[in-house]
Protein backbone atom coordinates (compact mmCIF):
# COMPACT_ATOMS: atom_id res chain seq x y z
CA MET A 1 108.79 109.96 127.18
CA ALA A 2 110.65 109.33 124.02
CA LEU A 3 109.25 108.33 120.70
CA PRO A 4 109.19 104.28 120.29
CA ASP A 5 111.48 102.54 117.79
CA ILE A 6 108.51 101.59 115.17
CA ALA A 7 108.69 97.89 113.59
CA PRO A 8 107.88 97.49 109.85
CA TYR A 9 104.42 96.59 109.11
CA SER A 10 102.47 96.34 106.30
CA MET A 11 100.12 99.18 105.32
CA PRO A 12 96.18 98.04 105.46
CA ALA A 13 95.04 96.68 102.07
CA PRO A 14 91.91 98.35 100.25
CA ALA A 15 89.99 95.25 100.62
CA SER A 16 90.48 95.39 104.41
CA LEU A 17 89.31 99.11 105.25
CA PRO A 18 86.60 99.35 107.52
CA THR A 19 83.33 100.01 106.67
CA GLY A 20 82.05 103.64 107.00
CA ARG A 21 79.06 104.96 107.93
CA VAL A 22 78.89 108.05 105.43
CA ALA A 23 79.59 107.78 101.25
CA TRP A 24 81.11 111.23 101.04
CA ASP A 25 82.80 111.97 97.49
CA VAL A 26 85.78 113.87 97.38
CA ASP A 27 84.97 116.86 95.52
CA PRO A 28 88.28 118.79 94.24
CA ASP A 29 86.51 122.17 94.46
CA ARG A 30 85.91 121.68 98.14
CA ALA A 31 89.14 119.78 99.27
CA VAL A 32 92.22 120.90 101.20
CA LEU A 33 95.27 118.72 101.31
CA LEU A 34 96.69 118.19 104.97
CA VAL A 35 100.10 117.08 105.42
CA HIS A 36 100.38 116.40 109.23
CA ASP A 37 103.72 116.42 111.00
CA LEU A 38 105.61 114.84 108.56
CA GLN A 39 108.68 115.77 109.69
CA ASN A 40 112.23 114.38 110.38
CA TYR A 41 111.88 114.05 113.96
CA PHE A 42 108.72 111.84 113.48
CA LEU A 43 109.79 109.74 110.71
CA ASP A 44 113.49 108.66 111.91
CA ALA A 45 111.23 106.20 114.06
CA PHE A 46 110.61 104.42 111.25
CA THR A 47 112.86 101.79 110.13
CA PRO A 48 114.02 103.34 106.89
CA ASP A 49 112.87 102.12 103.24
CA ALA A 50 110.51 99.63 104.71
CA SER A 51 106.50 99.41 105.23
CA PRO A 52 104.99 101.49 106.15
CA VAL A 53 107.25 104.71 105.69
CA SER A 54 108.05 103.65 102.27
CA GLU A 55 104.34 103.57 101.13
CA LEU A 56 103.60 106.44 103.06
CA LEU A 57 106.59 108.71 101.38
CA ARG A 58 105.39 107.81 98.36
CA ASN A 59 101.34 108.41 98.48
CA VAL A 60 101.89 111.34 100.06
CA LYS A 61 104.07 112.36 97.38
CA ALA A 62 101.95 111.45 94.87
CA LEU A 63 98.58 113.12 96.54
CA THR A 64 100.44 116.69 96.88
CA ASP A 65 101.73 116.50 93.03
CA ALA A 66 97.98 115.71 92.56
CA CYS A 67 96.46 118.69 94.64
CA ARG A 68 99.16 121.24 93.14
CA ARG A 69 97.98 120.29 89.60
CA ALA A 70 94.25 120.52 90.68
CA GLY A 71 94.61 123.79 92.13
CA ILE A 72 93.83 122.38 95.92
CA PRO A 73 95.36 124.01 98.52
CA VAL A 74 98.14 121.87 100.25
CA VAL A 75 98.41 122.54 104.17
CA TYR A 76 101.37 121.48 105.90
CA SER A 77 101.41 121.36 110.01
CA ALA A 78 104.27 121.45 111.70
CA GLN A 79 106.08 121.31 115.12
CA PRO A 80 108.16 123.65 116.27
CA GLY A 81 111.63 122.43 117.78
CA GLY A 82 112.62 123.56 121.58
CA GLN A 83 109.46 124.43 123.08
CA THR A 84 109.40 125.79 126.32
CA PRO A 85 107.38 124.25 128.95
CA ALA A 86 104.72 126.69 128.75
CA GLU A 87 104.30 126.24 124.74
CA ARG A 88 104.47 122.58 125.61
CA GLY A 89 101.88 122.46 128.33
CA LEU A 90 100.18 118.83 128.94
CA GLN A 91 102.13 117.43 125.72
CA GLN A 92 105.32 117.64 128.03
CA ASP A 93 103.85 115.17 130.78
CA PHE A 94 102.88 112.78 128.05
CA TRP A 95 105.61 113.11 125.40
CA GLY A 96 108.43 114.93 127.35
CA PRO A 97 110.18 118.04 125.35
CA GLY A 98 108.92 116.92 122.24
CA LEU A 99 111.35 118.21 118.98
CA PRO A 100 114.81 119.52 120.13
CA ALA A 101 116.06 122.72 118.54
CA ASP A 102 117.55 121.41 115.64
CA ALA A 103 116.72 122.35 112.11
CA ARG A 104 116.71 119.05 110.51
CA ALA A 105 114.67 117.16 112.97
CA ALA A 106 112.12 119.77 112.54
CA ALA A 107 111.91 120.10 108.70
CA VAL A 108 109.29 117.78 106.53
CA HIS A 109 110.89 115.12 105.09
CA GLU A 110 112.67 116.14 101.89
CA ALA A 111 110.42 113.61 99.47
CA VAL A 112 107.39 115.71 100.52
CA ALA A 113 108.40 118.94 101.27
CA PRO A 114 106.17 121.86 100.74
CA ALA A 115 106.19 123.94 97.74
CA GLU A 116 105.98 127.25 96.55
CA GLY A 117 102.43 128.56 97.30
CA ASP A 118 101.75 125.92 99.86
CA THR A 119 100.76 126.52 103.60
CA VAL A 120 102.55 125.68 106.92
CA LEU A 121 101.07 126.18 109.68
CA THR A 122 102.88 126.11 113.37
CA LYS A 123 101.20 123.59 114.84
CA TRP A 124 100.67 123.07 119.15
CA LYS A 125 98.59 120.12 120.10
CA TYR A 126 97.04 116.82 118.93
CA SER A 127 94.75 118.75 116.27
CA ALA A 128 95.77 120.83 113.35
CA PHE A 129 92.68 123.06 114.23
CA VAL A 130 94.03 123.98 117.80
CA ARG A 131 95.68 127.48 117.90
CA THR A 132 95.80 127.78 113.98
CA ASP A 133 94.17 129.27 111.65
CA LEU A 134 93.12 126.47 109.40
CA GLU A 135 89.86 126.62 109.74
CA ARG A 136 89.34 130.12 108.54
CA ARG A 137 91.53 129.54 105.76
CA MET A 138 89.24 126.70 104.69
CA ARG A 139 86.09 129.09 105.44
CA ASP A 140 87.96 132.01 103.52
CA GLN A 141 88.34 129.97 100.15
CA GLY A 142 84.98 127.93 100.30
CA ARG A 143 86.52 124.55 101.04
CA ASP A 144 84.63 122.44 103.61
CA GLN A 145 86.65 118.81 102.94
CA LEU A 146 90.08 117.89 104.54
CA LEU A 147 92.15 115.11 103.03
CA ILE A 148 94.05 113.92 105.67
CA THR A 149 97.75 112.46 105.29
CA GLY A 150 100.76 112.08 107.85
CA VAL A 151 101.58 110.88 111.19
CA TYR A 152 100.53 109.15 113.87
CA ALA A 153 97.37 107.89 112.89
CA HIS A 154 95.88 107.31 115.91
CA ILE A 155 96.76 110.59 117.69
CA GLY A 156 97.28 113.62 115.71
CA VAL A 157 95.59 112.38 112.51
CA LEU A 158 92.78 110.96 114.47
CA MET A 159 92.38 114.03 116.51
CA SER A 160 92.69 116.23 113.27
CA ALA A 161 89.79 114.20 111.48
CA CYS A 162 87.51 114.40 115.01
CA ASP A 163 88.04 118.08 115.36
CA ALA A 164 86.77 118.92 111.78
CA TRP A 165 83.85 116.90 112.16
CA MET A 166 83.35 119.16 115.21
CA ARG A 167 83.40 122.07 113.20
CA ASP A 168 81.05 120.28 110.05
CA LEU A 169 84.06 120.07 107.93
CA ARG A 170 84.17 116.57 105.98
CA ALA A 171 87.38 114.38 106.98
CA PHE A 172 88.79 111.96 104.63
CA VAL A 173 91.66 109.69 106.14
CA ILE A 174 93.84 108.83 103.47
CA ALA A 175 94.44 104.77 105.19
CA ASP A 176 97.57 104.35 102.77
CA ALA A 177 99.01 107.82 103.24
CA VAL A 178 99.11 107.59 107.02
CA ALA A 179 101.29 105.82 109.42
CA ASP A 180 101.30 104.35 113.21
CA PHE A 181 103.58 103.07 115.94
CA SER A 182 101.79 99.45 115.11
CA GLU A 183 99.42 98.05 112.85
CA ARG A 184 97.29 97.68 115.58
CA ASP A 185 97.49 101.29 116.50
CA HIS A 186 96.98 101.83 112.73
CA ARG A 187 93.98 100.08 112.27
CA MET A 188 92.04 101.32 115.70
CA ALA A 189 92.42 104.75 114.12
CA LEU A 190 91.14 103.85 110.58
CA GLU A 191 88.18 101.91 112.38
CA TRP A 192 87.69 104.71 114.95
CA ALA A 193 87.27 107.25 112.17
CA ALA A 194 85.29 105.64 109.60
CA GLY A 195 82.74 105.06 112.64
CA LYS A 196 82.72 108.27 114.45
CA CYS A 197 83.84 111.04 111.83
CA ALA A 198 85.36 110.81 108.76
CA VAL A 199 85.57 108.69 105.36
CA VAL A 200 88.11 106.14 105.30
CA THR A 201 89.50 105.84 101.57
CA THR A 202 92.89 105.22 99.93
CA ALA A 203 95.03 107.36 97.68
CA SER A 204 94.52 105.71 94.60
CA ARG A 205 90.92 106.64 95.25
CA VAL A 206 91.88 110.20 95.64
CA LEU A 207 93.70 110.27 92.78
CA ASP A 208 90.60 108.90 90.80
CA ALA A 209 88.41 111.66 92.09
CA LEU A 210 90.64 114.16 91.01
CA GLY A 211 90.80 113.02 87.87
CA ASP A 212 94.74 112.74 87.93
CA ASP A 213 96.99 110.34 85.77
CA PRO A 214 99.60 109.78 88.05
CA ALA A 215 103.30 109.62 86.97
CA PRO A 216 104.93 106.37 86.67
CA GLY A 217 105.73 105.01 90.35
CA ALA A 218 103.01 107.24 91.72
CA ALA A 219 99.94 105.80 94.00
CA GLY A 220 97.66 103.93 92.16
CA ASN A 221 100.05 103.67 88.97
CA THR A 222 100.88 99.70 88.05
CA SER A 223 104.66 100.97 88.05
CA ALA A 224 104.42 101.15 91.81
CA TRP A 225 104.02 97.66 92.25
CA THR A 226 107.48 96.64 93.43
CA ALA A 227 108.49 93.66 94.84
CA GLU A 228 108.77 94.70 98.32
CA ARG A 229 105.29 96.21 97.82
CA VAL A 230 103.85 92.93 96.31
CA ARG A 231 105.53 91.09 99.28
CA ALA A 232 103.85 93.00 102.17
CA ASP A 233 100.07 92.40 100.53
CA VAL A 234 101.22 88.43 100.11
CA ALA A 235 102.46 88.86 103.69
CA ALA A 236 98.72 90.27 104.78
CA VAL A 237 97.04 87.54 103.34
CA LEU A 238 99.24 85.23 105.15
CA GLY A 239 99.21 86.92 108.11
CA ASP A 240 103.12 86.81 108.60
CA PRO A 241 105.51 89.47 108.37
CA PRO A 242 106.91 90.66 105.33
CA GLU A 243 110.37 89.68 105.93
CA ASP A 244 109.34 86.15 106.48
CA VAL A 245 107.73 85.87 102.70
CA PRO A 246 110.31 85.16 100.19
CA LEU A 247 111.06 86.53 97.27
CA ASP A 248 111.87 84.16 94.66
CA GLU A 249 110.47 80.84 96.66
CA SER A 250 107.04 79.07 95.48
CA LEU A 251 104.37 80.97 97.84
CA ILE A 252 102.56 77.71 97.79
CA ASP A 253 105.14 76.03 99.91
CA TYR A 254 104.68 79.06 102.17
CA GLY A 255 100.76 78.11 102.80
CA LEU A 256 99.44 80.58 99.71
CA ASP A 257 96.25 78.64 98.47
CA SER A 258 94.00 79.55 95.62
CA ILE A 259 91.27 81.42 98.03
CA ARG A 260 94.25 83.66 99.25
CA LEU A 261 95.02 84.11 95.76
CA MET A 262 91.75 85.56 94.33
CA THR A 263 92.02 87.64 97.41
CA LEU A 264 95.13 89.61 96.01
CA VAL A 265 93.75 89.83 92.59
CA GLU A 266 90.78 91.18 93.84
CA ARG A 267 92.66 93.39 95.93
CA TRP A 268 94.98 94.24 92.83
CA ARG A 269 92.11 94.81 90.52
CA GLU A 270 90.51 97.47 92.70
CA GLU A 271 93.82 99.22 92.50
CA GLY A 272 93.74 99.24 89.02
CA ALA A 273 95.56 96.11 87.60
CA VAL A 274 93.83 94.77 84.32
CA VAL A 275 94.87 91.25 85.63
CA SER A 276 93.22 87.52 86.28
CA ILE A 277 94.20 84.63 88.52
CA THR A 278 95.72 82.69 85.49
CA ASP A 279 98.52 85.59 85.01
CA PHE A 280 99.95 84.55 88.45
CA ALA A 281 99.78 80.56 87.92
CA ASP A 282 103.13 79.93 85.73
CA ARG A 283 105.72 81.40 88.54
CA VAL A 284 103.92 81.66 92.10
CA THR A 285 106.75 84.17 93.51
CA VAL A 286 106.73 87.12 94.90
CA ARG A 287 109.27 88.64 92.50
CA ALA A 288 107.56 87.28 89.45
CA TRP A 289 104.27 88.80 90.49
CA ALA A 290 105.74 92.17 90.68
CA ASP A 291 106.76 92.01 87.18
CA VAL A 292 103.45 90.81 85.76
CA LEU A 293 101.88 93.82 87.72
CA ALA A 294 104.45 96.32 86.78
CA GLY A 295 103.49 94.92 83.12
CA ALA A 296 99.47 95.36 83.85
CA ARG A 297 97.34 97.97 82.40
CA ARG A 298 95.58 100.78 84.73
């Protein structure tokens, strides 16, 4: 069975994240960042330069850079290409032979590639802990928090979070730094994790916990509010596909009302923009709003 072609969908907004059962806080002295299976083979299933993969790569890049600056270990999982049926095991029955014996397919995407000092684990099963030394590495460094990014949210990401919980390691699934087959699968993974085994959070909140000052364009920085990002947020509150939301036409004509606008403003405030509802009243278009947000103070 080949991987499905993944249609674009909007990343979940902070205000829409599921309510968790625990109130763990990210501690830089206890954390390890896991970049889960961000190999070209898996990312090729997405539409390039569209949601959610554009936000996924941008946020993972911001997180890996911040963790390196903070001295937090960055660990990558990567499945080997050209596995034999014996190595593949039951995954062969569900997913076929997996990655081909091809260097590009097996490589981590260049935008988030490992740096000197990072660890790359050879991964064999859904969970990044199975047949690897990830737990031992964490224990040896006195770290018991795993910050999880990557693909696919409802498969390996979720199984790694659950496996961490079963090993008494605290998992944090970073909702806008993971991606999935569909918005439905993505949301299911977040809801299950929040209710059963992990804290579900955002890249911006993790960067704040690390005390990091993101570079321009990084997650949580106001310069990251491009027109495409704003269009995805507007589409989410309207319940429409992002491609159906115009960039330069009045959003009032497309069903945006004051309640939905307030929802957007509250969401953007939560992500660090110092704005009010009146800032968006003069020109009610996506591109104009992106300009407002790009100029807002964080």
